[in-house]
Amino acid sequence: MSTVTITVLLLVIGGFITFAIVLQLKEQARLEKLRKVASLNNQLRQVRRYLDEMPPQYQPKDMRIWLFTRMLAIYDQLISLQPDASLKRRRNNLAEELSEFQESKQKRRALPMNDELKIIEVKRLFESFKSFLVQSQKDKIINSDVVHRYRKLMDFYHYKVNADYHAYLARRAFLSGQMESAMDLYKEAINQLNPIQDDLEAQSIIQKYTDLLQEIQQDLELQQAEEELIKSMESEKEEELDDEWNKFIESSTFQEKKRF
């Protein structure tokens, strides 16, 4: 075999190997891109869930704004990987939603905690969000101070949601006239906050429930006093009627004897 033939064969083999390597690298890049796109889409759904499903009373304004900005950043990453008109449109809609929220002066309406299954789901959201914060810190998306503050807030809400549930039941019992049940439920709401009673906001809530307990106790005592007064008046009235009846009977008897 001549030198030229050997050289040509080597070039062909080398070219084939190079071509195979290039194809493999392209395939790896394509798979990596798909993996990143899938991961970013999962993050989008996750953040959107926090925004939509976490009750407003457990979602401070600054935290909600951070979630909006995090979602916008994810859209930017997705658009850079796969430019798409629908992605850009959704990003623009989200930016408008954020702008409206920032400019709005209206307080978002609290979602009543009136169902135990709802409370379980909300607590799962708290735990999921805490994990999301830790991962965001690892990815250097959020600083440690903010992570600490939000995680502490989630721990506080973990107990507050139970107190809110019992307070809801207490108010419903109060409006139904079940005073004693309302008092028991407010006491339980306070007990739910005992693990975080050193927290200033928890102390404020405990004081609020304590004041409500005192008001109900006063109303109950007033109601009992009124009932006792009514009973007393009815008893006196009955005695007066009995006296009049006895006088009437005695008078009738006397007249009969006189006529006799």
Protein backbone atom coordinates (compact mmCIF):
# COMPACT_ATOMS: atom_id res chain seq x y z
CA MET A 1 0.00 0.00 0.00
CA SER A 2 1.44 3.30 -1.07
CA THR A 3 2.10 6.24 1.22
CA VAL A 4 -0.54 8.31 -0.55
CA THR A 5 -3.20 5.65 0.01
CA ILE A 6 -2.32 5.35 3.67
CA THR A 7 -2.45 9.10 4.05
CA VAL A 8 -5.86 9.27 2.36
CA LEU A 9 -7.21 6.48 4.58
CA LEU A 10 -5.93 8.21 7.69
CA LEU A 11 -7.55 11.46 6.61
CA VAL A 12 -10.83 9.70 5.92
CA ILE A 13 -10.75 7.89 9.26
CA GLY A 14 -9.74 11.09 11.03
CA GLY A 15 -12.50 13.01 9.28
CA PHE A 16 -15.06 10.38 10.22
CA ILE A 17 -13.97 10.41 13.86
CA THR A 18 -14.07 14.21 13.90
CA PHE A 19 -17.53 14.20 12.32
CA ALA A 20 -18.74 11.66 14.91
CA ILE A 21 -17.33 13.75 17.75
CA VAL A 22 -18.97 16.91 16.39
CA LEU A 23 -22.32 15.12 16.10
CA GLN A 24 -21.98 13.80 19.64
CA LEU A 25 -21.13 17.25 20.98
CA LYS A 26 -24.10 18.75 19.16
CA GLU A 27 -26.39 16.08 20.54
CA GLN A 28 -25.04 16.66 24.04
CA ALA A 29 -25.59 20.40 23.63
CA ARG A 30 -29.13 19.79 22.35
CA LEU A 31 -29.94 17.51 25.30
CA GLU A 32 -28.40 19.99 27.74
CA LYS A 33 -30.51 22.76 26.25
CA LEU A 34 -33.66 20.63 26.56
CA ARG A 35 -32.74 19.85 30.15
CA LYS A 36 -32.30 23.54 30.96
CA VAL A 37 -35.58 24.43 29.25
CA ALA A 38 -37.43 21.72 31.19
CA SER A 39 -35.84 22.88 34.47
CA LEU A 40 -36.76 26.52 33.80
CA ASN A 41 -40.34 25.60 32.91
CA ASN A 42 -40.60 23.67 36.19
CA GLN A 43 -39.32 26.73 38.03
CA LEU A 44 -41.90 28.90 36.27
CA ARG A 45 -44.73 26.63 37.38
CA GLN A 46 -43.32 26.51 40.90
CA VAL A 47 -43.05 30.30 41.30
CA ARG A 48 -46.45 30.82 39.69
CA ARG A 49 -47.92 28.41 42.23
CA TYR A 50 -46.45 30.43 45.11
CA LEU A 51 -47.90 33.62 43.63
CA ASP A 52 -51.36 32.16 43.00
CA GLU A 53 -51.91 29.66 45.81
CA MET A 54 -50.16 31.16 48.83
CA PRO A 55 -52.88 33.15 50.67
CA PRO A 56 -52.37 36.94 50.53
CA GLN A 57 -52.13 37.27 54.33
CA TYR A 58 -49.05 35.02 54.26
CA GLN A 59 -47.42 36.79 51.32
CA PRO A 60 -45.88 40.20 52.24
CA LYS A 61 -45.61 42.74 49.44
CA ASP A 62 -41.81 42.63 49.20
CA MET A 63 -41.84 38.84 49.03
CA ARG A 64 -44.47 38.86 46.28
CA ILE A 65 -42.45 41.40 44.32
CA TRP A 66 -39.37 39.19 44.64
CA LEU A 67 -41.35 36.23 43.27
CA PHE A 68 -42.49 38.35 40.31
CA THR A 69 -38.92 39.46 39.54
CA ARG A 70 -37.68 35.88 39.90
CA MET A 71 -40.29 34.73 37.40
CA LEU A 72 -39.31 37.48 34.96
CA ALA A 73 -35.67 36.40 35.20
CA ILE A 74 -36.66 32.81 34.40
CA TYR A 75 -38.58 34.02 31.34
CA ASP A 76 -35.48 35.90 30.19
CA GLN A 77 -33.40 32.72 30.47
CA LEU A 78 -35.99 30.75 28.53
CA ILE A 79 -36.20 33.35 25.78
CA SER A 80 -32.43 33.36 25.42
CA LEU A 81 -32.49 29.57 24.94
CA GLN A 82 -35.47 29.42 22.60
CA PRO A 83 -36.75 32.77 21.29
CA ASP A 84 -40.50 32.44 21.05
CA ALA A 85 -43.27 35.00 20.52
CA SER A 86 -45.60 33.35 23.04
CA LEU A 87 -42.88 33.41 25.71
CA LYS A 88 -42.24 37.11 25.08
CA ARG A 89 -45.97 37.83 25.26
CA ARG A 90 -46.31 36.00 28.58
CA ARG A 91 -43.29 37.82 29.94
CA ASN A 92 -44.78 41.17 28.97
CA ASN A 93 -48.08 40.25 30.63
CA LEU A 94 -46.22 39.28 33.80
CA ALA A 95 -44.29 42.57 33.76
CA GLU A 96 -47.62 44.45 33.54
CA GLU A 97 -49.01 42.38 36.41
CA LEU A 98 -45.98 43.28 38.53
CA SER A 99 -46.27 46.96 37.66
CA GLU A 100 -49.98 47.03 38.59
CA PHE A 101 -49.25 45.29 41.88
CA GLN A 102 -46.48 47.74 42.78
CA GLU A 103 -48.64 50.76 42.02
CA SER A 104 -51.78 49.46 43.70
CA LYS A 105 -52.64 50.95 47.11
CA GLN A 106 -55.41 48.46 47.76
CA LYS A 107 -54.72 45.77 50.32
CA ARG A 108 -55.20 42.25 49.04
CA ARG A 109 -58.13 40.45 50.62
CA ALA A 110 -57.22 37.72 53.09
CA LEU A 111 -58.30 34.17 52.31
CA PRO A 112 -60.32 32.64 55.20
CA MET A 113 -58.66 29.64 56.80
CA ASN A 114 -61.84 27.62 57.22
CA ASP A 115 -60.81 24.13 56.18
CA GLU A 116 -58.27 21.72 57.67
CA LEU A 117 -57.29 20.29 54.27
CA LYS A 118 -56.62 23.81 53.01
CA ILE A 119 -54.36 24.41 56.02
CA ILE A 120 -52.37 21.25 55.27
CA GLU A 121 -51.87 22.38 51.67
CA VAL A 122 -50.82 25.88 52.75
CA LYS A 123 -48.26 24.41 55.16
CA ARG A 124 -46.84 22.33 52.32
CA LEU A 125 -46.46 25.52 50.32
CA PHE A 126 -44.54 27.09 53.21
CA GLU A 127 -42.12 24.15 53.34
CA SER A 128 -41.72 24.10 49.57
CA PHE A 129 -41.00 27.82 49.52
CA LYS A 130 -38.36 27.43 52.22
CA SER A 131 -36.60 24.80 50.09
CA PHE A 132 -36.88 27.08 47.07
CA LEU A 133 -35.21 29.87 49.05
CA VAL A 134 -32.32 27.61 50.05
CA GLN A 135 -31.77 26.56 46.43
CA SER A 136 -31.97 30.19 45.28
CA GLN A 137 -29.30 31.09 47.80
CA LYS A 138 -27.06 28.28 46.51
CA ASP A 139 -27.58 29.62 42.99
CA LYS A 140 -26.60 33.10 44.29
CA ILE A 141 -29.97 34.53 43.26
CA ILE A 142 -30.85 35.86 46.73
CA ASN A 143 -28.67 36.89 49.66
CA SER A 144 -28.55 35.05 52.98
CA ASP A 145 -30.14 37.87 55.02
CA VAL A 146 -33.29 37.87 52.89
CA VAL A 147 -33.42 34.07 52.96
CA HIS A 148 -33.18 34.11 56.76
CA ARG A 149 -35.97 36.68 57.05
CA TYR A 150 -38.34 34.85 54.70
CA ARG A 151 -37.64 31.45 56.28
CA LYS A 152 -38.32 32.91 59.72
CA LEU A 153 -41.55 34.36 58.34
CA MET A 154 -42.62 30.94 57.00
CA ASP A 155 -41.94 29.40 60.43
CA PHE A 156 -44.14 32.07 62.01
CA TYR A 157 -46.94 31.49 59.47
CA HIS A 158 -46.74 27.75 60.14
CA TYR A 159 -48.24 28.41 63.59
CA LYS A 160 -50.33 31.44 62.67
CA VAL A 161 -52.36 29.50 60.11
CA ASN A 162 -53.58 27.18 62.89
CA ALA A 163 -54.48 30.16 65.07
CA ASP A 164 -56.32 31.77 62.15
CA TYR A 165 -58.35 28.60 61.66
CA HIS A 166 -59.48 28.46 65.30
CA ALA A 167 -60.15 32.21 65.33
CA TYR A 168 -62.38 31.77 62.26
CA LEU A 169 -64.34 29.02 64.02
CA ALA A 170 -64.53 31.17 67.17
CA ARG A 171 -66.02 34.12 65.32
CA ARG A 172 -68.53 31.88 63.57
CA ALA A 173 -69.56 30.44 66.95
CA PHE A 174 -69.85 33.95 68.40
CA LEU A 175 -72.10 35.12 65.56
CA SER A 176 -74.26 32.02 66.13
CA GLY A 177 -74.66 32.96 69.78
CA GLN A 178 -72.51 30.07 71.03
CA MET A 179 -70.54 32.21 73.50
CA GLU A 180 -68.87 29.45 75.50
CA SER A 181 -67.76 27.61 72.35
CA ALA A 182 -66.37 30.87 70.99
CA MET A 183 -64.35 31.39 74.17
CA ASP A 184 -62.92 27.87 74.02
CA LEU A 185 -61.93 28.33 70.38
CA TYR A 186 -60.23 31.69 71.02
CA LYS A 187 -58.30 30.06 73.88
CA GLU A 188 -57.20 27.33 71.48
CA ALA A 189 -56.13 29.98 68.95
CA ILE A 190 -53.92 31.49 71.63
CA ASN A 191 -52.50 28.05 72.49
CA GLN A 192 -51.53 27.55 68.84
CA LEU A 193 -49.31 30.65 69.11
CA ASN A 194 -47.58 29.60 72.33
CA PRO A 195 -44.51 28.14 70.55
CA ILE A 196 -43.82 31.59 69.03
CA GLN A 197 -45.12 33.76 71.86
CA ASP A 198 -41.82 35.67 72.02
CA ASP A 199 -42.39 37.01 68.51
CA LEU A 200 -43.66 40.62 68.59
CA GLU A 201 -46.32 40.00 65.94
CA ALA A 202 -47.48 36.87 67.74
CA GLN A 203 -47.78 38.88 70.97
CA SER A 204 -49.96 41.41 69.16
CA ILE A 205 -52.26 38.65 67.89
CA ILE A 206 -52.41 36.99 71.31
CA GLN A 207 -53.40 40.32 72.84
CA LYS A 208 -56.11 40.74 70.20
CA TYR A 209 -57.58 37.31 70.98
CA THR A 210 -57.30 37.99 74.73
CA ASP A 211 -59.27 41.23 74.31
CA LEU A 212 -61.93 39.38 72.33
CA LEU A 213 -62.13 36.75 75.08
CA GLN A 214 -62.69 39.46 77.68
CA GLU A 215 -65.40 41.09 75.55
CA ILE A 216 -67.20 37.77 75.12
CA GLN A 217 -66.85 37.06 78.84
CA GLN A 218 -68.39 40.46 79.63
CA ASP A 219 -71.19 39.87 77.13
CA LEU A 220 -71.82 36.45 78.63
CA GLU A 221 -71.94 37.84 82.17
CA LEU A 222 -74.28 40.63 81.03
CA GLN A 223 -76.49 38.08 79.28
CA GLN A 224 -76.60 35.91 82.40
CA ALA A 225 -77.41 38.96 84.56
CA GLU A 226 -80.27 39.90 82.21
CA GLU A 227 -81.62 36.35 82.30
CA GLU A 228 -81.48 36.34 86.11
CA LEU A 229 -83.23 39.73 86.22
CA ILE A 230 -85.97 38.50 83.89
CA LYS A 231 -86.43 35.37 86.00
CA SER A 232 -86.55 37.48 89.14
CA MET A 233 -89.14 39.83 87.62
CA GLU A 234 -91.21 36.89 86.40
CA SER A 235 -91.01 35.31 89.84
CA GLU A 236 -92.13 38.56 91.51
CA LYS A 237 -94.96 38.89 89.02
CA GLU A 238 -96.09 35.35 89.74
CA GLU A 239 -96.03 36.05 93.47
CA GLU A 240 -98.13 39.20 92.93
CA LEU A 241 -100.63 37.23 90.89
CA ASP A 242 -100.75 34.54 93.58
CA ASP A 243 -101.36 37.19 96.24
CA GLU A 244 -104.17 38.75 94.21
CA TRP A 245 -105.70 35.36 93.60
CA ASN A 246 -105.56 34.45 97.28
CA LYS A 247 -107.17 37.78 98.19
CA PHE A 248 -109.87 37.14 95.62
CA ILE A 249 -110.53 33.66 97.00
CA GLU A 250 -110.67 34.95 100.59
CA SER A 251 -112.99 37.77 99.54
CA SER A 252 -115.29 35.36 97.69
CA THR A 253 -115.39 32.99 100.66
CA PHE A 254 -116.24 35.82 103.02
CA GLN A 255 -119.12 37.01 100.83
CA GLU A 256 -120.53 33.49 100.57
CA LYS A 257 -120.45 33.10 104.33
CA LYS A 258 -122.05 36.49 104.79
CA ARG A 259 -124.90 35.64 102.44
CA PHE A 260 -125.30 32.30 104.16
